[in-house]
Amino acid sequence: MDISAHKTRQFARELKDERVFSRSSLYVVLFAATLVLIGIGFKAYRFTLPTEGWSLFLDFDKGLIFDQNLLGVPSPFQKGDILLEVAGETMQDDFLTKHSVQAKEAYQVGKTVLYTVQRGGETLSFDVPLYHWTAKGIGNAFGQIFLNRVFQFSPFLFLQLALALFVFIKRPNNQAAQLLLLMFVTNFVSGLSNVASVQSPADSFYPLAQWASTYLGAAINPILSIPLFVHLALVFPKPKWGFGKFGWRLSLLYGLPLTLTLLHDAGFIPNLTDPLVPLYFLLM
């Protein structure tokens, strides 16, 4: 009875501590809010850039593929066209490819730019006018792309985020609740980045947009989402292998994929992040 009573009191103390809004809780909220604001800010910035009016999705085998005419303007493109070149610059290389100054100067609202696409077995070129994003186009981007494409990967994205917020509010000092919130905030930012297009021609010609579409889009998964998921699995319901406290294990868990991604994007090493992901899941 004494042992049972002791365990009951200990559990009650732990539960009380988990309900306290601590310094670590504040850091989590600040980091999550900063990440969301950065995601919203960069998405808003990317909507100020020139566009041909279409959404594009990424096929890792084929490249960027035209999906939907969001602006509803007259266009020579068809759904399924594969984008090859814009203004003489290839669009099939790595996201962080540097393009010529002349191509960037040509890619401006009101100008006409040469697009080259593959349609079936043919290679076609069109002179395409560039536009500003309109409220209608942005609305279509969120209505058609965000609901259709993002939810294809995460059917309960908003429900997950709401659940994470609820758990965090109930137990803000619980490490698993903090990680759950950060994980779903990261997923939300990634989904937001992919609204309209994962990577558009405008993103390729504007370095800030190029950085945002890469590191807030596809690259955020191996850099943050997957380490957060693995970390959560290693501390819930009880910490395993010393992952409950900050130390070299956590530094390696988060630092390794970030370092490998940056070295790859700088051209020093091949892509080693993708092979790393299965190894991370083996830890669980």
C-alpha atoms as a PDB file:
ATOM      1  CA  MET A   1       0.000   0.000   0.000  1.00  0.00           C
ATOM      2  CA  ASP A   2       2.833   2.381   0.846  1.00  0.00           C
ATOM      3  CA  ILE A   3       4.511   1.743  -2.531  1.00  0.00           C
ATOM      4  CA  SER A   4       1.213   2.192  -4.350  1.00  0.00           C
ATOM      5  CA  ALA A   5       0.475   5.427  -2.488  1.00  0.00           C
ATOM      6  CA  HIS A   6       3.981   6.705  -3.228  1.00  0.00           C
ATOM      7  CA  LYS A   7       3.559   5.993  -6.953  1.00  0.00           C
ATOM      8  CA  THR A   8       0.181   7.707  -6.935  1.00  0.00           C
ATOM      9  CA  ARG A   9       1.627  10.829  -5.303  1.00  0.00           C
ATOM     10  CA  GLN A  10       4.573  10.811  -7.701  1.00  0.00           C
ATOM     11  CA  PHE A  11       2.250  10.534 -10.708  1.00  0.00           C
ATOM     12  CA  ALA A  12       0.139  13.399  -9.346  1.00  0.00           C
ATOM     13  CA  ARG A  13       3.247  15.587  -8.966  1.00  0.00           C
ATOM     14  CA  GLU A  14       4.413  14.769 -12.514  1.00  0.00           C
ATOM     15  CA  LEU A  15       0.961  15.547 -13.895  1.00  0.00           C
ATOM     16  CA  LYS A  16       0.908  18.856 -12.018  1.00  0.00           C
ATOM     17  CA  ASP A  17       4.370  19.747 -13.348  1.00  0.00           C
ATOM     18  CA  GLU A  18       3.298  18.937 -16.930  1.00  0.00           C
ATOM     19  CA  ARG A  19       0.423  21.416 -16.637  1.00  0.00           C
ATOM     20  CA  VAL A  20       2.761  24.283 -15.725  1.00  0.00           C
ATOM     21  CA  PHE A  21       3.647  26.718 -18.513  1.00  0.00           C
ATOM     22  CA  SER A  22       7.429  26.648 -18.129  1.00  0.00           C
ATOM     23  CA  ARG A  23      10.344  28.304 -19.893  1.00  0.00           C
ATOM     24  CA  SER A  24      10.623  25.368 -22.280  1.00  0.00           C
ATOM     25  CA  SER A  25       6.914  25.788 -23.096  1.00  0.00           C
ATOM     26  CA  LEU A  26       7.562  29.428 -23.951  1.00  0.00           C
ATOM     27  CA  TYR A  27      10.476  28.496 -26.223  1.00  0.00           C
ATOM     28  CA  VAL A  28       8.283  25.978 -28.046  1.00  0.00           C
ATOM     29  CA  VAL A  29       5.518  28.556 -28.574  1.00  0.00           C
ATOM     30  CA  LEU A  30       8.004  31.166 -29.809  1.00  0.00           C
ATOM     31  CA  PHE A  31       9.661  28.730 -32.203  1.00  0.00           C
ATOM     32  CA  ALA A  32       6.314  27.464 -33.542  1.00  0.00           C
ATOM     33  CA  ALA A  33       4.925  30.993 -33.966  1.00  0.00           C
ATOM     34  CA  THR A  34       8.126  32.165 -35.679  1.00  0.00           C
ATOM     35  CA  LEU A  35       8.024  29.218 -38.069  1.00  0.00           C
ATOM     36  CA  VAL A  36       4.376  29.887 -38.970  1.00  0.00           C
ATOM     37  CA  LEU A  37       4.999  33.619 -39.469  1.00  0.00           C
ATOM     38  CA  ILE A  38       8.032  32.909 -41.659  1.00  0.00           C
ATOM     39  CA  GLY A  39       5.975  30.448 -43.697  1.00  0.00           C
ATOM     40  CA  ILE A  40       3.120  32.940 -44.156  1.00  0.00           C
ATOM     41  CA  GLY A  41       5.517  35.785 -44.929  1.00  0.00           C
ATOM     42  CA  PHE A  42       7.448  33.921 -47.591  1.00  0.00           C
ATOM     43  CA  LYS A  43       4.268  32.566 -49.169  1.00  0.00           C
ATOM     44  CA  ALA A  44       2.908  36.117 -49.362  1.00  0.00           C
ATOM     45  CA  TYR A  45       6.198  37.275 -50.900  1.00  0.00           C
ATOM     46  CA  ARG A  46       6.103  34.507 -53.522  1.00  0.00           C
ATOM     47  CA  PHE A  47       2.607  35.651 -54.514  1.00  0.00           C
ATOM     48  CA  THR A  48       4.075  39.066 -55.435  1.00  0.00           C
ATOM     49  CA  LEU A  49       6.322  37.507 -58.104  1.00  0.00           C
ATOM     50  CA  PRO A  50       5.474  37.175 -61.818  1.00  0.00           C
ATOM     51  CA  THR A  51       3.511  34.131 -62.948  1.00  0.00           C
ATOM     52  CA  GLU A  52       2.156  32.524 -66.100  1.00  0.00           C
ATOM     53  CA  GLY A  53      -0.897  31.700 -64.008  1.00  0.00           C
ATOM     54  CA  TRP A  54      -0.537  27.952 -63.544  1.00  0.00           C
ATOM     55  CA  SER A  55       0.090  25.672 -60.607  1.00  0.00           C
ATOM     56  CA  LEU A  56       2.859  23.125 -61.018  1.00  0.00           C
ATOM     57  CA  PHE A  57       3.574  19.982 -59.047  1.00  0.00           C
ATOM     58  CA  LEU A  58       6.838  18.100 -58.836  1.00  0.00           C
ATOM     59  CA  ASP A  59       7.334  14.619 -60.226  1.00  0.00           C
ATOM     60  CA  PHE A  60      10.814  13.462 -59.158  1.00  0.00           C
ATOM     61  CA  ASP A  61      11.187  11.421 -62.351  1.00  0.00           C
ATOM     62  CA  LYS A  62       9.783  13.906 -64.871  1.00  0.00           C
ATOM     63  CA  GLY A  63      10.199  17.331 -63.259  1.00  0.00           C
ATOM     64  CA  LEU A  64       7.709  20.176 -62.904  1.00  0.00           C
ATOM     65  CA  ILE A  65       4.304  19.412 -64.426  1.00  0.00           C
ATOM     66  CA  PHE A  66       1.542  21.893 -65.251  1.00  0.00           C
ATOM     67  CA  ASP A  67      -1.554  21.138 -63.227  1.00  0.00           C
ATOM     68  CA  GLN A  68      -4.213  23.882 -63.186  1.00  0.00           C
ATOM     69  CA  ASN A  69      -4.712  27.319 -64.718  1.00  0.00           C
ATOM     70  CA  LEU A  70      -5.345  29.258 -61.502  1.00  0.00           C
ATOM     71  CA  LEU A  71      -5.635  32.730 -63.041  1.00  0.00           C
ATOM     72  CA  GLY A  72      -8.005  31.543 -65.767  1.00  0.00           C
ATOM     73  CA  VAL A  73      -6.122  33.532 -68.422  1.00  0.00           C
ATOM     74  CA  PRO A  74      -5.730  32.386 -72.056  1.00  0.00           C
ATOM     75  CA  SER A  75      -2.805  29.973 -72.105  1.00  0.00           C
ATOM     76  CA  PRO A  76      -1.101  27.592 -74.545  1.00  0.00           C
ATOM     77  CA  PHE A  77      -0.369  25.066 -71.796  1.00  0.00           C
ATOM     78  CA  GLN A  78      -2.289  21.890 -71.130  1.00  0.00           C
ATOM     79  CA  LYS A  79      -2.626  19.897 -67.940  1.00  0.00           C
ATOM     80  CA  GLY A  80       0.223  17.372 -67.870  1.00  0.00           C
ATOM     81  CA  ASP A  81       2.751  19.427 -69.852  1.00  0.00           C
ATOM     82  CA  ILE A  82       6.274  18.947 -68.480  1.00  0.00           C
ATOM     83  CA  LEU A  83       8.230  22.174 -68.038  1.00  0.00           C
ATOM     84  CA  LEU A  84      11.686  22.019 -69.630  1.00  0.00           C
ATOM     85  CA  GLU A  85      12.947  25.583 -70.025  1.00  0.00           C
ATOM     86  CA  VAL A  86      11.977  29.185 -69.286  1.00  0.00           C
ATOM     87  CA  ALA A  87      13.794  32.053 -71.024  1.00  0.00           C
ATOM     88  CA  GLY A  88      16.403  29.560 -72.221  1.00  0.00           C
ATOM     89  CA  GLU A  89      17.129  28.309 -68.684  1.00  0.00           C
ATOM     90  CA  THR A  90      16.524  24.685 -67.723  1.00  0.00           C
ATOM     91  CA  MET A  91      13.891  24.018 -65.059  1.00  0.00           C
ATOM     92  CA  GLN A  92      14.795  20.368 -64.484  1.00  0.00           C
ATOM     93  CA  ASP A  93      17.940  20.763 -62.417  1.00  0.00           C
ATOM     94  CA  ASP A  94      18.284  21.032 -58.668  1.00  0.00           C
ATOM     95  CA  PHE A  95      16.053  23.597 -56.957  1.00  0.00           C
ATOM     96  CA  LEU A  96      19.041  25.755 -56.077  1.00  0.00           C
ATOM     97  CA  THR A  97      20.388  26.091 -59.641  1.00  0.00           C
ATOM     98  CA  LYS A  98      21.649  29.594 -60.390  1.00  0.00           C
ATOM     99  CA  HIS A  99      20.222  31.277 -63.479  1.00  0.00           C
ATOM    100  CA  SER A 100      21.580  34.061 -65.651  1.00  0.00           C
ATOM    101  CA  VAL A 101      20.911  37.736 -64.961  1.00  0.00           C
ATOM    102  CA  GLN A 102      19.464  38.072 -68.463  1.00  0.00           C
ATOM    103  CA  ALA A 103      16.870  35.363 -67.784  1.00  0.00           C
ATOM    104  CA  LYS A 104      15.841  37.017 -64.521  1.00  0.00           C
ATOM    105  CA  GLU A 105      15.522  40.407 -66.222  1.00  0.00           C
ATOM    106  CA  ALA A 106      13.335  38.817 -68.881  1.00  0.00           C
ATOM    107  CA  TYR A 107      11.051  37.248 -66.273  1.00  0.00           C
ATOM    108  CA  GLN A 108       9.029  40.338 -65.342  1.00  0.00           C
ATOM    109  CA  VAL A 109       5.313  41.147 -65.222  1.00  0.00           C
ATOM    110  CA  GLY A 110       4.087  42.489 -68.560  1.00  0.00           C
ATOM    111  CA  LYS A 111       6.837  40.807 -70.573  1.00  0.00           C
ATOM    112  CA  THR A 112       6.531  37.775 -72.832  1.00  0.00           C
ATOM    113  CA  VAL A 113       8.857  34.865 -72.069  1.00  0.00           C
ATOM    114  CA  LEU A 114       9.704  31.747 -74.056  1.00  0.00           C
ATOM    115  CA  TYR A 115       8.525  28.544 -72.317  1.00  0.00           C
ATOM    116  CA  THR A 116       9.561  25.102 -73.573  1.00  0.00           C
ATOM    117  CA  VAL A 117       7.507  22.087 -72.540  1.00  0.00           C
ATOM    118  CA  GLN A 118       7.236  18.419 -73.354  1.00  0.00           C
ATOM    119  CA  ARG A 119       3.785  17.206 -74.382  1.00  0.00           C
ATOM    120  CA  GLY A 120       3.537  13.535 -75.187  1.00  0.00           C
ATOM    121  CA  GLY A 121       6.567  12.855 -77.350  1.00  0.00           C
ATOM    122  CA  GLU A 122       6.849  16.425 -78.629  1.00  0.00           C
ATOM    123  CA  THR A 123       8.913  19.380 -77.473  1.00  0.00           C
ATOM    124  CA  LEU A 124       6.939  22.611 -77.858  1.00  0.00           C
ATOM    125  CA  SER A 125       7.863  26.262 -77.308  1.00  0.00           C
ATOM    126  CA  PHE A 126       5.466  29.121 -76.590  1.00  0.00           C
ATOM    127  CA  ASP A 127       5.779  32.855 -76.037  1.00  0.00           C
ATOM    128  CA  VAL A 128       3.914  33.339 -72.760  1.00  0.00           C
ATOM    129  CA  PRO A 129       2.872  36.652 -71.132  1.00  0.00           C
ATOM    130  CA  LEU A 130       3.554  37.087 -67.413  1.00  0.00           C
ATOM    131  CA  TYR A 131       0.985  38.412 -64.938  1.00  0.00           C
ATOM    132  CA  HIS A 132       0.548  39.524 -61.356  1.00  0.00           C
ATOM    133  CA  TRP A 133      -1.222  37.108 -59.031  1.00  0.00           C
ATOM    134  CA  THR A 134      -4.834  38.187 -58.529  1.00  0.00           C
ATOM    135  CA  ALA A 135      -7.123  37.643 -55.550  1.00  0.00           C
ATOM    136  CA  LYS A 136      -9.043  35.142 -57.662  1.00  0.00           C
ATOM    137  CA  GLY A 137      -5.867  33.257 -58.536  1.00  0.00           C
ATOM    138  CA  ILE A 138      -4.712  33.131 -54.914  1.00  0.00           C
ATOM    139  CA  GLY A 139      -8.172  31.993 -53.839  1.00  0.00           C
ATOM    140  CA  ASN A 140      -8.071  29.237 -56.452  1.00  0.00           C
ATOM    141  CA  ALA A 141      -4.600  28.255 -55.243  1.00  0.00           C
ATOM    142  CA  PHE A 142      -5.831  27.719 -51.703  1.00  0.00           C
ATOM    143  CA  GLY A 143      -9.175  26.256 -52.682  1.00  0.00           C
ATOM    144  CA  GLN A 144      -8.031  23.862 -55.404  1.00  0.00           C
ATOM    145  CA  ILE A 145      -4.403  23.150 -54.580  1.00  0.00           C
ATOM    146  CA  PHE A 146      -4.240  23.306 -50.811  1.00  0.00           C
ATOM    147  CA  LEU A 147      -7.324  21.156 -50.324  1.00  0.00           C
ATOM    148  CA  ASN A 148      -6.568  18.723 -53.126  1.00  0.00           C
ATOM    149  CA  ARG A 149      -2.818  18.278 -53.108  1.00  0.00           C
ATOM    150  CA  VAL A 150      -1.729  18.914 -49.520  1.00  0.00           C
ATOM    151  CA  PHE A 151      -4.542  16.841 -48.086  1.00  0.00           C
ATOM    152  CA  GLN A 152      -3.500  14.068 -50.445  1.00  0.00           C
ATOM    153  CA  PHE A 153      -0.405  13.669 -48.282  1.00  0.00           C
ATOM    154  CA  SER A 154      -1.932  14.620 -44.938  1.00  0.00           C
ATOM    155  CA  PRO A 155      -5.721  14.080 -44.996  1.00  0.00           C
ATOM    156  CA  PHE A 156      -6.250  15.512 -41.511  1.00  0.00           C
ATOM    157  CA  LEU A 157      -3.727  18.347 -41.546  1.00  0.00           C
ATOM    158  CA  PHE A 158      -5.878  20.880 -39.683  1.00  0.00           C
ATOM    159  CA  LEU A 159      -7.310  18.226 -37.379  1.00  0.00           C
ATOM    160  CA  GLN A 160      -3.795  17.116 -36.484  1.00  0.00           C
ATOM    161  CA  LEU A 161      -2.740  20.687 -35.761  1.00  0.00           C
ATOM    162  CA  ALA A 162      -5.845  21.288 -33.641  1.00  0.00           C
ATOM    163  CA  LEU A 163      -5.202  18.073 -31.705  1.00  0.00           C
ATOM    164  CA  ALA A 164      -1.567  19.055 -31.114  1.00  0.00           C
ATOM    165  CA  LEU A 165      -2.641  22.488 -29.847  1.00  0.00           C
ATOM    166  CA  PHE A 166      -5.219  20.921 -27.528  1.00  0.00           C
ATOM    167  CA  VAL A 167      -2.684  18.483 -26.044  1.00  0.00           C
ATOM    168  CA  PHE A 168      -0.095  21.246 -25.656  1.00  0.00           C
ATOM    169  CA  ILE A 169      -2.576  23.572 -23.904  1.00  0.00           C
ATOM    170  CA  LYS A 170      -3.479  20.780 -21.494  1.00  0.00           C
ATOM    171  CA  ARG A 171       0.138  19.783 -20.801  1.00  0.00           C
ATOM    172  CA  PRO A 172       2.486  22.545 -21.998  1.00  0.00           C
ATOM    173  CA  ASN A 173       5.443  21.224 -19.998  1.00  0.00           C
ATOM    174  CA  ASN A 174       5.171  17.687 -21.362  1.00  0.00           C
ATOM    175  CA  GLN A 175       7.997  16.969 -23.792  1.00  0.00           C
ATOM    176  CA  ALA A 176       5.894  14.722 -26.026  1.00  0.00           C
ATOM    177  CA  ALA A 177       3.181  17.404 -26.270  1.00  0.00           C
ATOM    178  CA  GLN A 178       5.795  19.991 -27.226  1.00  0.00           C
ATOM    179  CA  LEU A 179       7.255  17.764 -29.928  1.00  0.00           C
ATOM    180  CA  LEU A 180       3.807  16.890 -31.274  1.00  0.00           C
ATOM    181  CA  LEU A 181       2.982  20.582 -31.659  1.00  0.00           C
ATOM    182  CA  LEU A 182       6.279  21.358 -33.404  1.00  0.00           C
ATOM    183  CA  MET A 183       5.909  18.385 -35.732  1.00  0.00           C
ATOM    184  CA  PHE A 184       2.459  19.386 -36.958  1.00  0.00           C
ATOM    185  CA  VAL A 185       3.402  23.068 -37.197  1.00  0.00           C
ATOM    186  CA  THR A 186       6.278  21.986 -39.444  1.00  0.00           C
ATOM    187  CA  ASN A 187       3.881  19.939 -41.579  1.00  0.00           C
ATOM    188  CA  PHE A 188       1.555  22.941 -41.827  1.00  0.00           C
ATOM    189  CA  VAL A 189       4.368  25.257 -42.954  1.00  0.00           C
ATOM    190  CA  SER A 190       5.485  22.714 -45.555  1.00  0.00           C
ATOM    191  CA  GLY A 191       1.921  22.415 -46.851  1.00  0.00           C
ATOM    192  CA  LEU A 192       1.559  26.201 -46.971  1.00  0.00           C
ATOM    193  CA  SER A 193       4.789  26.501 -48.950  1.00  0.00           C
ATOM    194  CA  ASN A 194       3.422  24.118 -51.572  1.00  0.00           C
ATOM    195  CA  VAL A 195       0.216  26.098 -52.175  1.00  0.00           C
ATOM    196  CA  ALA A 196      -0.022  27.006 -55.904  1.00  0.00           C
ATOM    197  CA  SER A 197       3.304  25.325 -56.746  1.00  0.00           C
ATOM    198  CA  VAL A 198       6.008  23.336 -55.016  1.00  0.00           C
ATOM    199  CA  GLN A 199       8.503  25.182 -57.193  1.00  0.00           C
ATOM    200  CA  SER A 200       7.582  27.768 -59.820  1.00  0.00           C
ATOM    201  CA  PRO A 201       9.733  29.421 -62.504  1.00  0.00           C
ATOM    202  CA  ALA A 202       9.567  32.653 -60.491  1.00  0.00           C
ATOM    203  CA  ASP A 203      11.060  30.822 -57.508  1.00  0.00           C
ATOM    204  CA  SER A 204      13.996  29.813 -59.694  1.00  0.00           C
ATOM    205  CA  PHE A 205      14.773  33.377 -60.761  1.00  0.00           C
ATOM    206  CA  TYR A 206      14.461  35.054 -57.339  1.00  0.00           C
ATOM    207  CA  PRO A 207      17.005  33.766 -54.754  1.00  0.00           C
ATOM    208  CA  LEU A 208      14.879  34.543 -51.688  1.00  0.00           C
ATOM    209  CA  ALA A 209      11.874  32.741 -53.172  1.00  0.00           C
ATOM    210  CA  GLN A 210      14.153  29.896 -54.262  1.00  0.00           C
ATOM    211  CA  TRP A 211      15.433  29.503 -50.711  1.00  0.00           C
ATOM    212  CA  ALA A 212      11.907  29.624 -49.261  1.00  0.00           C
ATOM    213  CA  SER A 213      10.418  27.114 -51.695  1.00  0.00           C
ATOM    214  CA  THR A 214      13.267  24.713 -50.962  1.00  0.00           C
ATOM    215  CA  TYR A 215      13.810  24.914 -47.204  1.00  0.00           C
ATOM    216  CA  LEU A 216      10.205  25.614 -46.187  1.00  0.00           C
ATOM    217  CA  GLY A 217       8.919  23.058 -48.696  1.00  0.00           C
ATOM    218  CA  ALA A 218      10.479  19.715 -49.546  1.00  0.00           C
ATOM    219  CA  ALA A 219      13.667  20.114 -47.481  1.00  0.00           C
ATOM    220  CA  ILE A 220      11.870  20.873 -44.217  1.00  0.00           C
ATOM    221  CA  ASN A 221      10.773  17.227 -43.978  1.00  0.00           C
ATOM    222  CA  PRO A 222      14.220  15.611 -43.563  1.00  0.00           C
ATOM    223  CA  ILE A 223      15.572  18.645 -41.693  1.00  0.00           C
ATOM    224  CA  LEU A 224      12.789  19.020 -39.111  1.00  0.00           C
ATOM    225  CA  SER A 225       9.638  16.931 -39.573  1.00  0.00           C
ATOM    226  CA  ILE A 226      11.289  13.504 -39.546  1.00  0.00           C
ATOM    227  CA  PRO A 227      13.731  14.235 -36.661  1.00  0.00           C
ATOM    228  CA  LEU A 228      10.802  15.621 -34.632  1.00  0.00           C
ATOM    229  CA  PHE A 229       8.745  12.498 -35.342  1.00  0.00           C
ATOM    230  CA  VAL A 230      11.615  10.185 -34.371  1.00  0.00           C
ATOM    231  CA  HIS A 231      12.336  12.283 -31.262  1.00  0.00           C
ATOM    232  CA  LEU A 232       8.677  12.027 -30.264  1.00  0.00           C
ATOM    233  CA  ALA A 233       8.738   8.239 -30.663  1.00  0.00           C
ATOM    234  CA  LEU A 234      11.880   8.076 -28.519  1.00  0.00           C
ATOM    235  CA  VAL A 235      10.414  10.006 -25.570  1.00  0.00           C
ATOM    236  CA  PHE A 236       6.806   8.757 -25.566  1.00  0.00           C
ATOM    237  CA  PRO A 237       5.524   7.257 -23.378  1.00  0.00           C
ATOM    238  CA  LYS A 238       8.925   7.066 -21.627  1.00  0.00           C
ATOM    239  CA  PRO A 239      12.324   8.363 -22.802  1.00  0.00           C
ATOM    240  CA  LYS A 240      14.592   5.773 -24.417  1.00  0.00           C
ATOM    241  CA  TRP A 241      18.377   5.709 -24.819  1.00  0.00           C
ATOM    242  CA  GLY A 242      18.927   9.061 -23.124  1.00  0.00           C
ATOM    243  CA  PHE A 243      16.800  11.089 -25.556  1.00  0.00           C
ATOM    244  CA  GLY A 244      14.798  12.637 -22.733  1.00  0.00           C
ATOM    245  CA  LYS A 245      17.466  15.273 -22.081  1.00  0.00           C
ATOM    246  CA  PHE A 246      19.516  17.516 -24.322  1.00  0.00           C
ATOM    247  CA  GLY A 247      22.915  16.076 -25.198  1.00  0.00           C
ATOM    248  CA  TRP A 248      25.044  14.757 -28.026  1.00  0.00           C
ATOM    249  CA  ARG A 249      22.317  12.318 -29.125  1.00  0.00           C
ATOM    250  CA  LEU A 250      19.814  15.114 -29.773  1.00  0.00           C
ATOM    251  CA  SER A 251      22.502  17.271 -31.364  1.00  0.00           C
ATOM    252  CA  LEU A 252      23.247  14.426 -33.776  1.00  0.00           C
ATOM    253  CA  LEU A 253      19.552  13.685 -34.409  1.00  0.00           C
ATOM    254  CA  TYR A 254      18.828  17.243 -35.573  1.00  0.00           C
ATOM    255  CA  GLY A 255      22.255  18.393 -36.694  1.00  0.00           C
ATOM    256  CA  LEU A 256      23.154  15.548 -39.049  1.00  0.00           C
ATOM    257  CA  PRO A 257      20.313  15.938 -41.613  1.00  0.00           C
ATOM    258  CA  LEU A 258      20.679  19.723 -41.598  1.00  0.00           C
ATOM    259  CA  THR A 259      24.435  19.490 -42.175  1.00  0.00           C
ATOM    260  CA  LEU A 260      24.056  16.900 -44.947  1.00  0.00           C
ATOM    261  CA  THR A 261      21.368  18.976 -46.673  1.00  0.00           C
ATOM    262  CA  LEU A 262      23.455  22.165 -46.588  1.00  0.00           C
ATOM    263  CA  LEU A 263      26.575  20.355 -47.850  1.00  0.00           C
ATOM    264  CA  HIS A 264      24.542  18.769 -50.661  1.00  0.00           C
ATOM    265  CA  ASP A 265      22.993  22.092 -51.696  1.00  0.00           C
ATOM    266  CA  ALA A 266      26.451  23.671 -51.686  1.00  0.00           C
ATOM    267  CA  GLY A 267      27.614  20.965 -54.098  1.00  0.00           C
ATOM    268  CA  PHE A 268      30.158  19.302 -51.788  1.00  0.00           C
ATOM    269  CA  ILE A 269      28.478  15.894 -51.396  1.00  0.00           C
ATOM    270  CA  PRO A 270      25.764  13.812 -53.090  1.00  0.00           C
ATOM    271  CA  ASN A 271      22.301  13.553 -51.556  1.00  0.00           C
ATOM    272  CA  LEU A 272      22.772  11.532 -48.356  1.00  0.00           C
ATOM    273  CA  THR A 273      19.658  12.753 -46.565  1.00  0.00           C
ATOM    274  CA  ASP A 274      17.259  10.324 -48.254  1.00  0.00           C
ATOM    275  CA  PRO A 275      19.299   7.216 -47.274  1.00  0.00           C
ATOM    276  CA  LEU A 276      19.504   8.629 -43.735  1.00  0.00           C
ATOM    277  CA  VAL A 277      15.715   8.619 -43.240  1.00  0.00           C
ATOM    278  CA  PRO A 278      15.290   4.805 -43.012  1.00  0.00           C
ATOM    279  CA  LEU A 279      18.154   4.665 -40.512  1.00  0.00           C
ATOM    280  CA  TYR A 280      16.346   7.189 -38.335  1.00  0.00           C
ATOM    281  CA  PHE A 281      13.237   5.044 -38.273  1.00  0.00           C
ATOM    282  CA  LEU A 282      15.318   2.076 -37.151  1.00  0.00           C
ATOM    283  CA  LEU A 283      15.978   3.979 -33.913  1.00  0.00           C
ATOM    284  CA  MET A 284      12.306   3.709 -33.083  1.00  0.00           C
END
